[in-house]
Amino acid sequence: MAEHYGTAIIPARPVKPKDKPNAEGTVKVLDTWILAALRNRKFLTFQELNTAVHEKLEEFNAKPFQKKKGSRLSVFIEKEKDFLMPLPAFPYETAVWSTATIQPDYLMTVENCKYSVPYEFIGKKVDIRSTENSIEVFYHGQRIASHVRKLYASEPIYIPEHMPENPRKFLEYNTESFLEWGKAMGHSTLLVIKHFLFMHKVEQQGYKSCASLMKLADRYGTERLENACAKALSYTPNPSLKNISTILKNGQDGRVPVYPAVFLSLFSAFCTIILTSCLEFPLIQKWDSLRQFRIPASAYDTGLP
């Protein structure tokens, strides 16, 4: 406390009141002037009591000295005030120190609340400084985290910078960003995003499905995803992520099929052989010509997974 206020404390000897007669004498006078004067009054709150004490203290300080000029207030203003330093920005707070081992979820517990620390310190033993308004965490004398103290919190208190990359991204998700992304992908994708978000009582429950849909766009491309969403919506007004993934995996997202091209090529070749064959050829020669016809292997390559 002395360091916080930039002063020094020189204690007197115990049971030696003559080491500090001025202080002891003033305490005795204040007992009579303030406490005795207020002894018959009743106060319902500490604020009322403090206000009454402050009024009596101002009256006491303004009271003139009996053997010299001035008062305690005038002496303070004329001789002492100019030598005072400004008070710190924050008052001194008493602290309680404790230790804890950081759990795999990079949380540590103080009373009824859980607070995060950087995930690099999982399994490490840390020192915790708890005050009325703050929680500070130290590792080998270095502060690694600080939180505003809460009296109670049903959910752990996380700072995004303390988390690994993937959980941090999940915290950054929000409804507006998903809707903007869906609008950029296309009308059908936007409808699916809205369905994922608003099908639950709490929108955050749909964040995982929306994030998975974004991964499908990275894997298959935005055009195929938009087509797959349109295909799924044509089947049901409530498509699932599995429906869309299956459509993309099986190539049912509206790509032009190549099977008709194979059969068209076969039919064209067959007609060409028949028209160019001479009527005087024996039938067996015609069959040999047809049997020797081969469809290139590339014609059967459908391009589907």
C-alpha atoms as a PDB file:
ATOM      1  CA  MET A   1       0.000   0.000   0.000  1.00  0.00           C
ATOM      2  CA  ALA A   2       2.843   2.407   0.842  1.00  0.00           C
ATOM      3  CA  GLU A   3       4.436   1.749  -2.540  1.00  0.00           C
ATOM      4  CA  HIS A   4       1.116   2.299  -4.316  1.00  0.00           C
ATOM      5  CA  TYR A   5       0.712   5.750  -2.740  1.00  0.00           C
ATOM      6  CA  GLY A   6       4.400   6.696  -2.985  1.00  0.00           C
ATOM      7  CA  THR A   7       5.044   7.027   0.725  1.00  0.00           C
ATOM      8  CA  ALA A   8       6.861   5.231   3.520  1.00  0.00           C
ATOM      9  CA  ILE A   9       5.609   3.719   6.774  1.00  0.00           C
ATOM     10  CA  ILE A  10       7.771   4.010   9.903  1.00  0.00           C
ATOM     11  CA  PRO A  11       6.014   2.063  12.653  1.00  0.00           C
ATOM     12  CA  ALA A  12       6.279   3.087  16.289  1.00  0.00           C
ATOM     13  CA  ARG A  13       7.196   0.675  19.030  1.00  0.00           C
ATOM     14  CA  PRO A  14       4.293  -1.387  20.329  1.00  0.00           C
ATOM     15  CA  VAL A  15       2.699  -0.261  23.590  1.00  0.00           C
ATOM     16  CA  LYS A  16       4.692   3.014  23.486  1.00  0.00           C
ATOM     17  CA  PRO A  17       2.069   5.774  22.924  1.00  0.00           C
ATOM     18  CA  LYS A  18       4.607   8.513  23.757  1.00  0.00           C
ATOM     19  CA  ASP A  19       6.414   7.741  20.464  1.00  0.00           C
ATOM     20  CA  LYS A  20       3.538   9.466  18.664  1.00  0.00           C
ATOM     21  CA  PRO A  21       1.876  11.826  21.171  1.00  0.00           C
ATOM     22  CA  ASN A  22       0.391  14.160  18.559  1.00  0.00           C
ATOM     23  CA  ALA A  23      -1.423  11.312  16.812  1.00  0.00           C
ATOM     24  CA  GLU A  24      -2.641   9.760  20.060  1.00  0.00           C
ATOM     25  CA  GLY A  25      -3.877  13.120  21.321  1.00  0.00           C
ATOM     26  CA  THR A  26      -5.784  13.847  18.127  1.00  0.00           C
ATOM     27  CA  VAL A  27      -7.456  10.427  18.228  1.00  0.00           C
ATOM     28  CA  LYS A  28      -8.677  11.148  21.749  1.00  0.00           C
ATOM     29  CA  VAL A  29     -10.070  14.536  20.733  1.00  0.00           C
ATOM     30  CA  LEU A  30     -11.857  13.047  17.715  1.00  0.00           C
ATOM     31  CA  ASP A  31     -13.445  10.380  19.884  1.00  0.00           C
ATOM     32  CA  THR A  32     -15.030  13.138  21.931  1.00  0.00           C
ATOM     33  CA  TRP A  33     -15.776  15.579  19.125  1.00  0.00           C
ATOM     34  CA  ILE A  34     -17.267  13.155  16.558  1.00  0.00           C
ATOM     35  CA  LEU A  35     -18.204   9.810  18.091  1.00  0.00           C
ATOM     36  CA  ALA A  36     -19.616  11.261  21.268  1.00  0.00           C
ATOM     37  CA  ALA A  37     -21.572  13.881  19.313  1.00  0.00           C
ATOM     38  CA  LEU A  38     -23.184  11.227  17.090  1.00  0.00           C
ATOM     39  CA  ARG A  39     -23.812   8.567  19.709  1.00  0.00           C
ATOM     40  CA  ASN A  40     -27.541   9.282  20.026  1.00  0.00           C
ATOM     41  CA  ARG A  41     -28.279   9.478  16.295  1.00  0.00           C
ATOM     42  CA  LYS A  42     -29.506   6.508  14.264  1.00  0.00           C
ATOM     43  CA  PHE A  43     -28.236   5.767  10.756  1.00  0.00           C
ATOM     44  CA  LEU A  44     -29.844   3.321   8.361  1.00  0.00           C
ATOM     45  CA  THR A  45     -26.991   3.175   5.814  1.00  0.00           C
ATOM     46  CA  PHE A  46     -23.222   3.541   5.831  1.00  0.00           C
ATOM     47  CA  GLN A  47     -23.592   6.470   3.426  1.00  0.00           C
ATOM     48  CA  GLU A  48     -25.637   8.406   5.993  1.00  0.00           C
ATOM     49  CA  LEU A  49     -23.080   7.641   8.704  1.00  0.00           C
ATOM     50  CA  ASN A  50     -20.135   8.696   6.538  1.00  0.00           C
ATOM     51  CA  THR A  51     -21.881  11.929   5.601  1.00  0.00           C
ATOM     52  CA  ALA A  52     -22.475  12.801   9.241  1.00  0.00           C
ATOM     53  CA  VAL A  53     -18.858  11.978  10.196  1.00  0.00           C
ATOM     54  CA  HIS A  54     -17.568  14.098   7.296  1.00  0.00           C
ATOM     55  CA  GLU A  55     -19.669  17.080   8.429  1.00  0.00           C
ATOM     56  CA  LYS A  56     -18.371  16.846  12.006  1.00  0.00           C
ATOM     57  CA  LEU A  57     -14.796  16.435  10.733  1.00  0.00           C
ATOM     58  CA  GLU A  58     -15.014  19.609   8.640  1.00  0.00           C
ATOM     59  CA  GLU A  59     -16.409  21.439  11.653  1.00  0.00           C
ATOM     60  CA  PHE A  60     -13.564  20.114  13.817  1.00  0.00           C
ATOM     61  CA  ASN A  61     -10.843  21.127  11.308  1.00  0.00           C
ATOM     62  CA  ALA A  62     -12.283  24.640  10.961  1.00  0.00           C
ATOM     63  CA  LYS A  63     -12.401  25.158  14.733  1.00  0.00           C
ATOM     64  CA  PRO A  64      -9.786  27.821  15.808  1.00  0.00           C
ATOM     65  CA  PHE A  65      -6.817  26.833  17.942  1.00  0.00           C
ATOM     66  CA  GLN A  66      -6.999  27.836  21.597  1.00  0.00           C
ATOM     67  CA  LYS A  67      -3.387  29.036  22.037  1.00  0.00           C
ATOM     68  CA  LYS A  68      -2.410  30.216  18.535  1.00  0.00           C
ATOM     69  CA  LYS A  69      -3.886  31.762  15.452  1.00  0.00           C
ATOM     70  CA  GLY A  70      -5.560  29.761  12.720  1.00  0.00           C
ATOM     71  CA  SER A  71      -7.075  26.291  12.606  1.00  0.00           C
ATOM     72  CA  ARG A  72      -6.108  22.872  11.413  1.00  0.00           C
ATOM     73  CA  LEU A  73      -7.650  23.633   8.001  1.00  0.00           C
ATOM     74  CA  SER A  74      -5.735  26.917   7.588  1.00  0.00           C
ATOM     75  CA  VAL A  75      -2.427  25.258   8.549  1.00  0.00           C
ATOM     76  CA  PHE A  76      -3.048  22.514   6.005  1.00  0.00           C
ATOM     77  CA  ILE A  77      -3.798  24.997   3.217  1.00  0.00           C
ATOM     78  CA  GLU A  78      -0.866  27.336   3.981  1.00  0.00           C
ATOM     79  CA  LYS A  79       1.914  24.888   4.866  1.00  0.00           C
ATOM     80  CA  GLU A  80       1.127  21.343   3.813  1.00  0.00           C
ATOM     81  CA  LYS A  81      -1.094  21.280   0.722  1.00  0.00           C
ATOM     82  CA  ASP A  82       1.625  22.358  -1.736  1.00  0.00           C
ATOM     83  CA  PHE A  83       3.828  19.410  -0.759  1.00  0.00           C
ATOM     84  CA  LEU A  84       1.217  16.740  -1.387  1.00  0.00           C
ATOM     85  CA  MET A  85       1.444  14.462  -4.424  1.00  0.00           C
ATOM     86  CA  PRO A  86      -1.624  13.677  -6.551  1.00  0.00           C
ATOM     87  CA  LEU A  87      -3.436  10.477  -5.713  1.00  0.00           C
ATOM     88  CA  PRO A  88      -3.031   7.461  -8.053  1.00  0.00           C
ATOM     89  CA  ALA A  89      -5.608   6.998 -10.787  1.00  0.00           C
ATOM     90  CA  PHE A  90      -7.010   3.969  -8.963  1.00  0.00           C
ATOM     91  CA  PRO A  91      -7.285   3.392  -5.205  1.00  0.00           C
ATOM     92  CA  TYR A  92      -5.273   0.646  -3.598  1.00  0.00           C
ATOM     93  CA  GLU A  93      -6.956  -2.756  -3.516  1.00  0.00           C
ATOM     94  CA  THR A  94      -6.138  -5.556  -1.154  1.00  0.00           C
ATOM     95  CA  ALA A  95      -5.297  -8.767  -3.008  1.00  0.00           C
ATOM     96  CA  VAL A  96      -5.585 -12.488  -2.320  1.00  0.00           C
ATOM     97  CA  TRP A  97      -2.930 -14.731  -3.894  1.00  0.00           C
ATOM     98  CA  SER A  98      -3.540 -18.329  -4.918  1.00  0.00           C
ATOM     99  CA  THR A  99      -2.100 -20.933  -7.301  1.00  0.00           C
ATOM    100  CA  ALA A 100      -3.694 -23.113  -9.969  1.00  0.00           C
ATOM    101  CA  THR A 101      -2.762 -25.509 -12.752  1.00  0.00           C
ATOM    102  CA  ILE A 102      -4.120 -24.576 -16.175  1.00  0.00           C
ATOM    103  CA  GLN A 103      -6.531 -27.220 -17.506  1.00  0.00           C
ATOM    104  CA  PRO A 104      -6.681 -28.534 -21.112  1.00  0.00           C
ATOM    105  CA  ASP A 105      -9.510 -26.079 -21.830  1.00  0.00           C
ATOM    106  CA  TYR A 106      -7.014 -23.251 -20.894  1.00  0.00           C
ATOM    107  CA  LEU A 107      -9.256 -22.127 -18.034  1.00  0.00           C
ATOM    108  CA  MET A 108      -8.624 -21.479 -14.357  1.00  0.00           C
ATOM    109  CA  THR A 109     -11.275 -21.050 -11.675  1.00  0.00           C
ATOM    110  CA  VAL A 110     -11.640 -18.224  -9.158  1.00  0.00           C
ATOM    111  CA  GLU A 111     -14.608 -18.741  -6.834  1.00  0.00           C
ATOM    112  CA  ASN A 112     -17.691 -19.156  -9.095  1.00  0.00           C
ATOM    113  CA  CYS A 113     -16.152 -18.044 -12.394  1.00  0.00           C
ATOM    114  CA  LYS A 114     -13.795 -19.516 -14.965  1.00  0.00           C
ATOM    115  CA  TYR A 115     -11.299 -17.287 -16.777  1.00  0.00           C
ATOM    116  CA  SER A 116      -9.102 -18.022 -19.792  1.00  0.00           C
ATOM    117  CA  VAL A 117      -5.327 -17.830 -20.081  1.00  0.00           C
ATOM    118  CA  PRO A 118      -3.177 -18.253 -23.239  1.00  0.00           C
ATOM    119  CA  TYR A 119      -3.415 -21.876 -24.392  1.00  0.00           C
ATOM    120  CA  GLU A 120       0.393 -22.152 -24.460  1.00  0.00           C
ATOM    121  CA  PHE A 121       0.296 -22.421 -20.649  1.00  0.00           C
ATOM    122  CA  ILE A 122      -1.846 -25.574 -20.511  1.00  0.00           C
ATOM    123  CA  GLY A 123      -0.533 -27.784 -17.709  1.00  0.00           C
ATOM    124  CA  LYS A 124       1.538 -24.968 -16.176  1.00  0.00           C
ATOM    125  CA  LYS A 125       1.251 -23.864 -12.568  1.00  0.00           C
ATOM    126  CA  VAL A 126       0.431 -20.152 -12.280  1.00  0.00           C
ATOM    127  CA  ASP A 127      -0.042 -17.563  -9.541  1.00  0.00           C
ATOM    128  CA  ILE A 128      -3.371 -15.739  -9.360  1.00  0.00           C
ATOM    129  CA  ARG A 129      -3.813 -12.282  -7.842  1.00  0.00           C
ATOM    130  CA  SER A 130      -7.457 -11.607  -7.011  1.00  0.00           C
ATOM    131  CA  THR A 131      -8.743  -8.184  -6.023  1.00  0.00           C
ATOM    132  CA  GLU A 132     -12.227  -6.778  -5.706  1.00  0.00           C
ATOM    133  CA  ASN A 133     -12.294  -5.637  -9.339  1.00  0.00           C
ATOM    134  CA  SER A 134      -9.705  -7.666 -11.248  1.00  0.00           C
ATOM    135  CA  ILE A 135      -8.069 -11.061 -11.751  1.00  0.00           C
ATOM    136  CA  GLU A 136      -4.397 -11.223 -12.777  1.00  0.00           C
ATOM    137  CA  VAL A 137      -2.467 -14.365 -13.714  1.00  0.00           C
ATOM    138  CA  PHE A 138       1.332 -14.609 -13.381  1.00  0.00           C
ATOM    139  CA  TYR A 139       3.790 -17.226 -14.623  1.00  0.00           C
ATOM    140  CA  HIS A 140       7.324 -17.016 -13.210  1.00  0.00           C
ATOM    141  CA  GLY A 141       6.643 -13.435 -12.160  1.00  0.00           C
ATOM    142  CA  GLN A 142       5.379 -12.308 -15.594  1.00  0.00           C
ATOM    143  CA  ARG A 143       1.743 -11.337 -16.028  1.00  0.00           C
ATOM    144  CA  ILE A 144       0.205 -13.472 -18.784  1.00  0.00           C
ATOM    145  CA  ALA A 145      -3.499 -12.590 -18.439  1.00  0.00           C
ATOM    146  CA  SER A 146      -5.887 -10.219 -16.708  1.00  0.00           C
ATOM    147  CA  HIS A 147      -9.683 -10.085 -16.462  1.00  0.00           C
ATOM    148  CA  VAL A 148     -12.328  -7.856 -14.973  1.00  0.00           C
ATOM    149  CA  ARG A 149     -13.621  -9.796 -12.013  1.00  0.00           C
ATOM    150  CA  LYS A 150     -17.177 -11.130 -12.142  1.00  0.00           C
ATOM    151  CA  LEU A 151     -19.229 -12.143  -9.136  1.00  0.00           C
ATOM    152  CA  TYR A 152     -20.887 -14.920 -11.155  1.00  0.00           C
ATOM    153  CA  ALA A 153     -20.832 -16.111 -14.758  1.00  0.00           C
ATOM    154  CA  SER A 154     -22.667 -19.189 -16.061  1.00  0.00           C
ATOM    155  CA  GLU A 155     -20.290 -19.449 -19.027  1.00  0.00           C
ATOM    156  CA  PRO A 156     -16.464 -19.323 -19.000  1.00  0.00           C
ATOM    157  CA  ILE A 157     -14.977 -15.897 -19.712  1.00  0.00           C
ATOM    158  CA  TYR A 158     -12.752 -16.169 -22.785  1.00  0.00           C
ATOM    159  CA  ILE A 159     -10.427 -13.666 -24.415  1.00  0.00           C
ATOM    160  CA  PRO A 160     -10.126 -14.549 -28.148  1.00  0.00           C
ATOM    161  CA  GLU A 161      -6.357 -13.988 -28.167  1.00  0.00           C
ATOM    162  CA  HIS A 162      -5.976 -16.783 -25.600  1.00  0.00           C
ATOM    163  CA  MET A 163      -7.518 -19.395 -27.915  1.00  0.00           C
ATOM    164  CA  PRO A 164      -6.035 -21.525 -30.721  1.00  0.00           C
ATOM    165  CA  GLU A 165      -6.848 -20.466 -34.261  1.00  0.00           C
ATOM    166  CA  ASN A 166      -9.844 -22.736 -34.969  1.00  0.00           C
ATOM    167  CA  PRO A 167     -11.836 -21.965 -31.776  1.00  0.00           C
ATOM    168  CA  ARG A 168     -10.997 -18.301 -32.265  1.00  0.00           C
ATOM    169  CA  LYS A 169     -12.568 -18.361 -35.733  1.00  0.00           C
ATOM    170  CA  PHE A 170     -15.737 -19.872 -34.278  1.00  0.00           C
ATOM    171  CA  LEU A 171     -16.024 -16.982 -31.813  1.00  0.00           C
ATOM    172  CA  GLU A 172     -15.662 -14.517 -34.684  1.00  0.00           C
ATOM    173  CA  TYR A 173     -18.657 -16.005 -36.511  1.00  0.00           C
ATOM    174  CA  ASN A 174     -21.877 -14.014 -36.445  1.00  0.00           C
ATOM    175  CA  THR A 175     -25.194 -13.996 -38.236  1.00  0.00           C
ATOM    176  CA  GLU A 176     -24.455 -10.902 -40.323  1.00  0.00           C
ATOM    177  CA  SER A 177     -21.207 -12.307 -41.757  1.00  0.00           C
ATOM    178  CA  PHE A 178     -22.879 -15.587 -42.765  1.00  0.00           C
ATOM    179  CA  LEU A 179     -25.756 -13.760 -44.447  1.00  0.00           C
ATOM    180  CA  GLU A 180     -23.370 -11.511 -46.378  1.00  0.00           C
ATOM    181  CA  TRP A 181     -21.361 -14.539 -47.521  1.00  0.00           C
ATOM    182  CA  GLY A 182     -24.511 -16.371 -48.617  1.00  0.00           C
ATOM    183  CA  LYS A 183     -25.706 -13.328 -50.565  1.00  0.00           C
ATOM    184  CA  ALA A 184     -22.364 -13.186 -52.382  1.00  0.00           C
ATOM    185  CA  MET A 185     -22.618 -16.893 -53.314  1.00  0.00           C
ATOM    186  CA  GLY A 186     -26.110 -16.698 -54.795  1.00  0.00           C
ATOM    187  CA  HIS A 187     -29.820 -16.709 -54.070  1.00  0.00           C
ATOM    188  CA  SER A 188     -30.104 -20.443 -53.332  1.00  0.00           C
ATOM    189  CA  THR A 189     -27.079 -20.452 -51.031  1.00  0.00           C
ATOM    190  CA  LEU A 190     -28.536 -17.489 -49.144  1.00  0.00           C
ATOM    191  CA  LEU A 191     -31.806 -19.370 -48.624  1.00  0.00           C
ATOM    192  CA  VAL A 192     -29.924 -22.363 -47.239  1.00  0.00           C
ATOM    193  CA  ILE A 193     -27.884 -20.120 -44.905  1.00  0.00           C
ATOM    194  CA  LYS A 194     -31.084 -18.525 -43.597  1.00  0.00           C
ATOM    195  CA  HIS A 195     -32.562 -21.971 -43.043  1.00  0.00           C
ATOM    196  CA  PHE A 196     -29.494 -23.120 -41.056  1.00  0.00           C
ATOM    197  CA  LEU A 197     -29.532 -19.973 -38.904  1.00  0.00           C
ATOM    198  CA  PHE A 198     -33.219 -19.650 -38.182  1.00  0.00           C
ATOM    199  CA  MET A 199     -34.217 -23.312 -37.842  1.00  0.00           C
ATOM    200  CA  HIS A 200     -32.928 -23.282 -34.229  1.00  0.00           C
ATOM    201  CA  LYS A 201     -34.159 -21.384 -31.206  1.00  0.00           C
ATOM    202  CA  VAL A 202     -30.695 -19.831 -30.880  1.00  0.00           C
ATOM    203  CA  GLU A 203     -28.950 -18.675 -34.060  1.00  0.00           C
ATOM    204  CA  GLN A 204     -25.532 -19.736 -32.760  1.00  0.00           C
ATOM    205  CA  GLN A 205     -26.653 -23.366 -33.031  1.00  0.00           C
ATOM    206  CA  GLY A 206     -26.574 -23.004 -36.811  1.00  0.00           C
ATOM    207  CA  TYR A 207     -23.064 -21.551 -37.009  1.00  0.00           C
ATOM    208  CA  LYS A 208     -21.428 -24.966 -37.364  1.00  0.00           C
ATOM    209  CA  SER A 209     -23.575 -25.904 -40.373  1.00  0.00           C
ATOM    210  CA  CYS A 210     -22.910 -22.523 -42.009  1.00  0.00           C
ATOM    211  CA  ALA A 211     -19.161 -22.914 -41.477  1.00  0.00           C
ATOM    212  CA  SER A 212     -19.304 -26.413 -43.024  1.00  0.00           C
ATOM    213  CA  LEU A 213     -21.165 -24.994 -46.024  1.00  0.00           C
ATOM    214  CA  MET A 214     -18.334 -22.486 -46.499  1.00  0.00           C
ATOM    215  CA  LYS A 215     -15.858 -25.376 -46.534  1.00  0.00           C
ATOM    216  CA  LEU A 216     -17.892 -27.061 -49.285  1.00  0.00           C
ATOM    217  CA  ALA A 217     -17.571 -23.861 -51.334  1.00  0.00           C
ATOM    218  CA  ASP A 218     -13.798 -23.988 -50.906  1.00  0.00           C
ATOM    219  CA  ARG A 219     -13.712 -27.639 -51.960  1.00  0.00           C
ATOM    220  CA  TYR A 220     -16.144 -27.688 -54.900  1.00  0.00           C
ATOM    221  CA  GLY A 221     -16.304 -24.039 -55.945  1.00  0.00           C
ATOM    222  CA  THR A 222     -18.978 -21.407 -55.566  1.00  0.00           C
ATOM    223  CA  GLU A 223     -20.835 -22.246 -58.793  1.00  0.00           C
ATOM    224  CA  ARG A 224     -21.270 -25.920 -57.942  1.00  0.00           C
ATOM    225  CA  LEU A 225     -22.334 -25.060 -54.397  1.00  0.00           C
ATOM    226  CA  GLU A 226     -24.999 -22.664 -55.672  1.00  0.00           C
ATOM    227  CA  ASN A 227     -26.280 -25.338 -58.070  1.00  0.00           C
ATOM    228  CA  ALA A 228     -26.305 -27.952 -55.318  1.00  0.00           C
ATOM    229  CA  CYS A 229     -28.266 -25.650 -53.014  1.00  0.00           C
ATOM    230  CA  ALA A 230     -30.798 -25.011 -55.773  1.00  0.00           C
ATOM    231  CA  LYS A 231     -31.063 -28.767 -56.379  1.00  0.00           C
ATOM    232  CA  ALA A 232     -31.600 -29.474 -52.681  1.00  0.00           C
ATOM    233  CA  LEU A 233     -34.250 -26.761 -52.410  1.00  0.00           C
ATOM    234  CA  SER A 234     -36.096 -28.322 -55.349  1.00  0.00           C
ATOM    235  CA  TYR A 235     -36.424 -31.517 -53.291  1.00  0.00           C
ATOM    236  CA  THR A 236     -37.315 -30.015 -49.906  1.00  0.00           C
ATOM    237  CA  PRO A 237     -37.755 -26.552 -48.373  1.00  0.00           C
ATOM    238  CA  ASN A 238     -35.670 -27.722 -45.399  1.00  0.00           C
ATOM    239  CA  PRO A 239     -32.415 -29.069 -46.845  1.00  0.00           C
ATOM    240  CA  SER A 240     -29.686 -30.417 -44.610  1.00  0.00           C
ATOM    241  CA  LEU A 241     -25.944 -30.124 -44.931  1.00  0.00           C
ATOM    242  CA  LYS A 242     -25.817 -33.859 -45.698  1.00  0.00           C
ATOM    243  CA  ASN A 243     -28.238 -33.399 -48.626  1.00  0.00           C
ATOM    244  CA  ILE A 244     -26.042 -30.737 -50.209  1.00  0.00           C
ATOM    245  CA  SER A 245     -22.845 -32.674 -49.573  1.00  0.00           C
ATOM    246  CA  THR A 246     -24.318 -35.802 -51.183  1.00  0.00           C
ATOM    247  CA  ILE A 247     -25.438 -33.855 -54.260  1.00  0.00           C
ATOM    248  CA  LEU A 248     -21.953 -32.460 -54.713  1.00  0.00           C
ATOM    249  CA  LYS A 249     -20.259 -35.782 -54.067  1.00  0.00           C
ATOM    250  CA  ASN A 250     -22.432 -37.637 -56.599  1.00  0.00           C
ATOM    251  CA  GLY A 251     -22.268 -34.907 -59.205  1.00  0.00           C
ATOM    252  CA  GLN A 252     -25.988 -34.187 -59.116  1.00  0.00           C
ATOM    253  CA  ASP A 253     -25.538 -30.440 -58.950  1.00  0.00           C
ATOM    254  CA  GLY A 254     -26.640 -29.769 -62.561  1.00  0.00           C
ATOM    255  CA  ARG A 255     -23.515 -30.555 -64.582  1.00  0.00           C
ATOM    256  CA  VAL A 256     -24.113 -31.697 -68.176  1.00  0.00           C
ATOM    257  CA  PRO A 257     -24.025 -35.536 -68.189  1.00  0.00           C
ATOM    258  CA  VAL A 258     -21.767 -37.245 -70.736  1.00  0.00           C
ATOM    259  CA  TYR A 259     -23.646 -40.565 -70.975  1.00  0.00           C
ATOM    260  CA  PRO A 260     -25.862 -39.398 -73.921  1.00  0.00           C
ATOM    261  CA  ALA A 261     -22.725 -38.377 -75.815  1.00  0.00           C
ATOM    262  CA  VAL A 262     -21.353 -41.923 -75.521  1.00  0.00           C
ATOM    263  CA  PHE A 263     -24.516 -43.486 -76.921  1.00  0.00           C
ATOM    264  CA  LEU A 264     -24.750 -40.854 -79.658  1.00  0.00           C
ATOM    265  CA  SER A 265     -21.180 -41.626 -80.702  1.00  0.00           C
ATOM    266  CA  LEU A 266     -21.939 -45.355 -80.789  1.00  0.00           C
ATOM    267  CA  PHE A 267     -25.138 -44.897 -82.830  1.00  0.00           C
ATOM    268  CA  SER A 268     -23.393 -42.599 -85.324  1.00  0.00           C
ATOM    269  CA  ALA A 269     -20.577 -45.082 -85.845  1.00  0.00           C
ATOM    270  CA  PHE A 270     -23.054 -47.927 -86.326  1.00  0.00           C
ATOM    271  CA  CYS A 271     -24.986 -46.005 -88.993  1.00  0.00           C
ATOM    272  CA  THR A 272     -21.791 -45.084 -90.797  1.00  0.00           C
ATOM    273  CA  ILE A 273     -20.721 -48.721 -91.073  1.00  0.00           C
ATOM    274  CA  ILE A 274     -24.123 -49.797 -92.398  1.00  0.00           C
ATOM    275  CA  LEU A 275     -24.292 -47.071 -95.069  1.00  0.00           C
ATOM    276  CA  THR A 276     -20.743 -47.546 -96.294  1.00  0.00           C
ATOM    277  CA  SER A 277     -20.927 -51.336 -96.496  1.00  0.00           C
ATOM    278  CA  CYS A 278     -21.454 -52.776 -99.953  1.00  0.00           C
ATOM    279  CA  LEU A 279     -24.525 -54.929-100.538  1.00  0.00           C
ATOM    280  CA  GLU A 280     -22.455 -57.613-102.248  1.00  0.00           C
ATOM    281  CA  PHE A 281     -20.439 -58.228 -99.065  1.00  0.00           C
ATOM    282  CA  PRO A 282     -21.370 -61.403 -97.321  1.00  0.00           C
ATOM    283  CA  LEU A 283     -23.268 -60.948 -94.072  1.00  0.00           C
ATOM    284  CA  ILE A 284     -20.373 -62.369 -92.057  1.00  0.00           C
ATOM    285  CA  GLN A 285     -18.086 -59.626 -93.402  1.00  0.00           C
ATOM    286  CA  LYS A 286     -20.549 -56.970 -92.216  1.00  0.00           C
ATOM    287  CA  TRP A 287     -20.635 -58.547 -88.756  1.00  0.00           C
ATOM    288  CA  ASP A 288     -16.835 -58.655 -88.644  1.00  0.00           C
ATOM    289  CA  SER A 289     -16.756 -54.951 -89.480  1.00  0.00           C
ATOM    290  CA  LEU A 290     -19.147 -54.156 -86.647  1.00  0.00           C
ATOM    291  CA  ARG A 291     -17.306 -56.400 -84.217  1.00  0.00           C
ATOM    292  CA  GLN A 292     -14.020 -54.710 -84.984  1.00  0.00           C
ATOM    293  CA  PHE A 293     -15.487 -51.327 -84.102  1.00  0.00           C
ATOM    294  CA  ARG A 294     -14.228 -50.092 -80.749  1.00  0.00           C
ATOM    295  CA  ILE A 295     -15.442 -47.132 -78.739  1.00  0.00           C
ATOM    296  CA  PRO A 296     -12.454 -45.197 -77.371  1.00  0.00           C
ATOM    297  CA  ALA A 297     -12.013 -45.547 -73.606  1.00  0.00           C
ATOM    298  CA  SER A 298     -12.099 -41.783 -73.279  1.00  0.00           C
ATOM    299  CA  ALA A 299     -15.715 -41.827 -74.418  1.00  0.00           C
ATOM    300  CA  TYR A 300     -16.686 -43.646 -71.262  1.00  0.00           C
ATOM    301  CA  ASP A 301     -14.954 -41.115 -69.009  1.00  0.00           C
ATOM    302  CA  THR A 302     -17.909 -39.407 -67.421  1.00  0.00           C
ATOM    303  CA  GLY A 303     -15.840 -37.047 -65.320  1.00  0.00           C
ATOM    304  CA  LEU A 304     -17.942 -37.929 -62.282  1.00  0.00           C
ATOM    305  CA  PRO A 305     -16.386 -38.876 -58.938  1.00  0.00           C
END
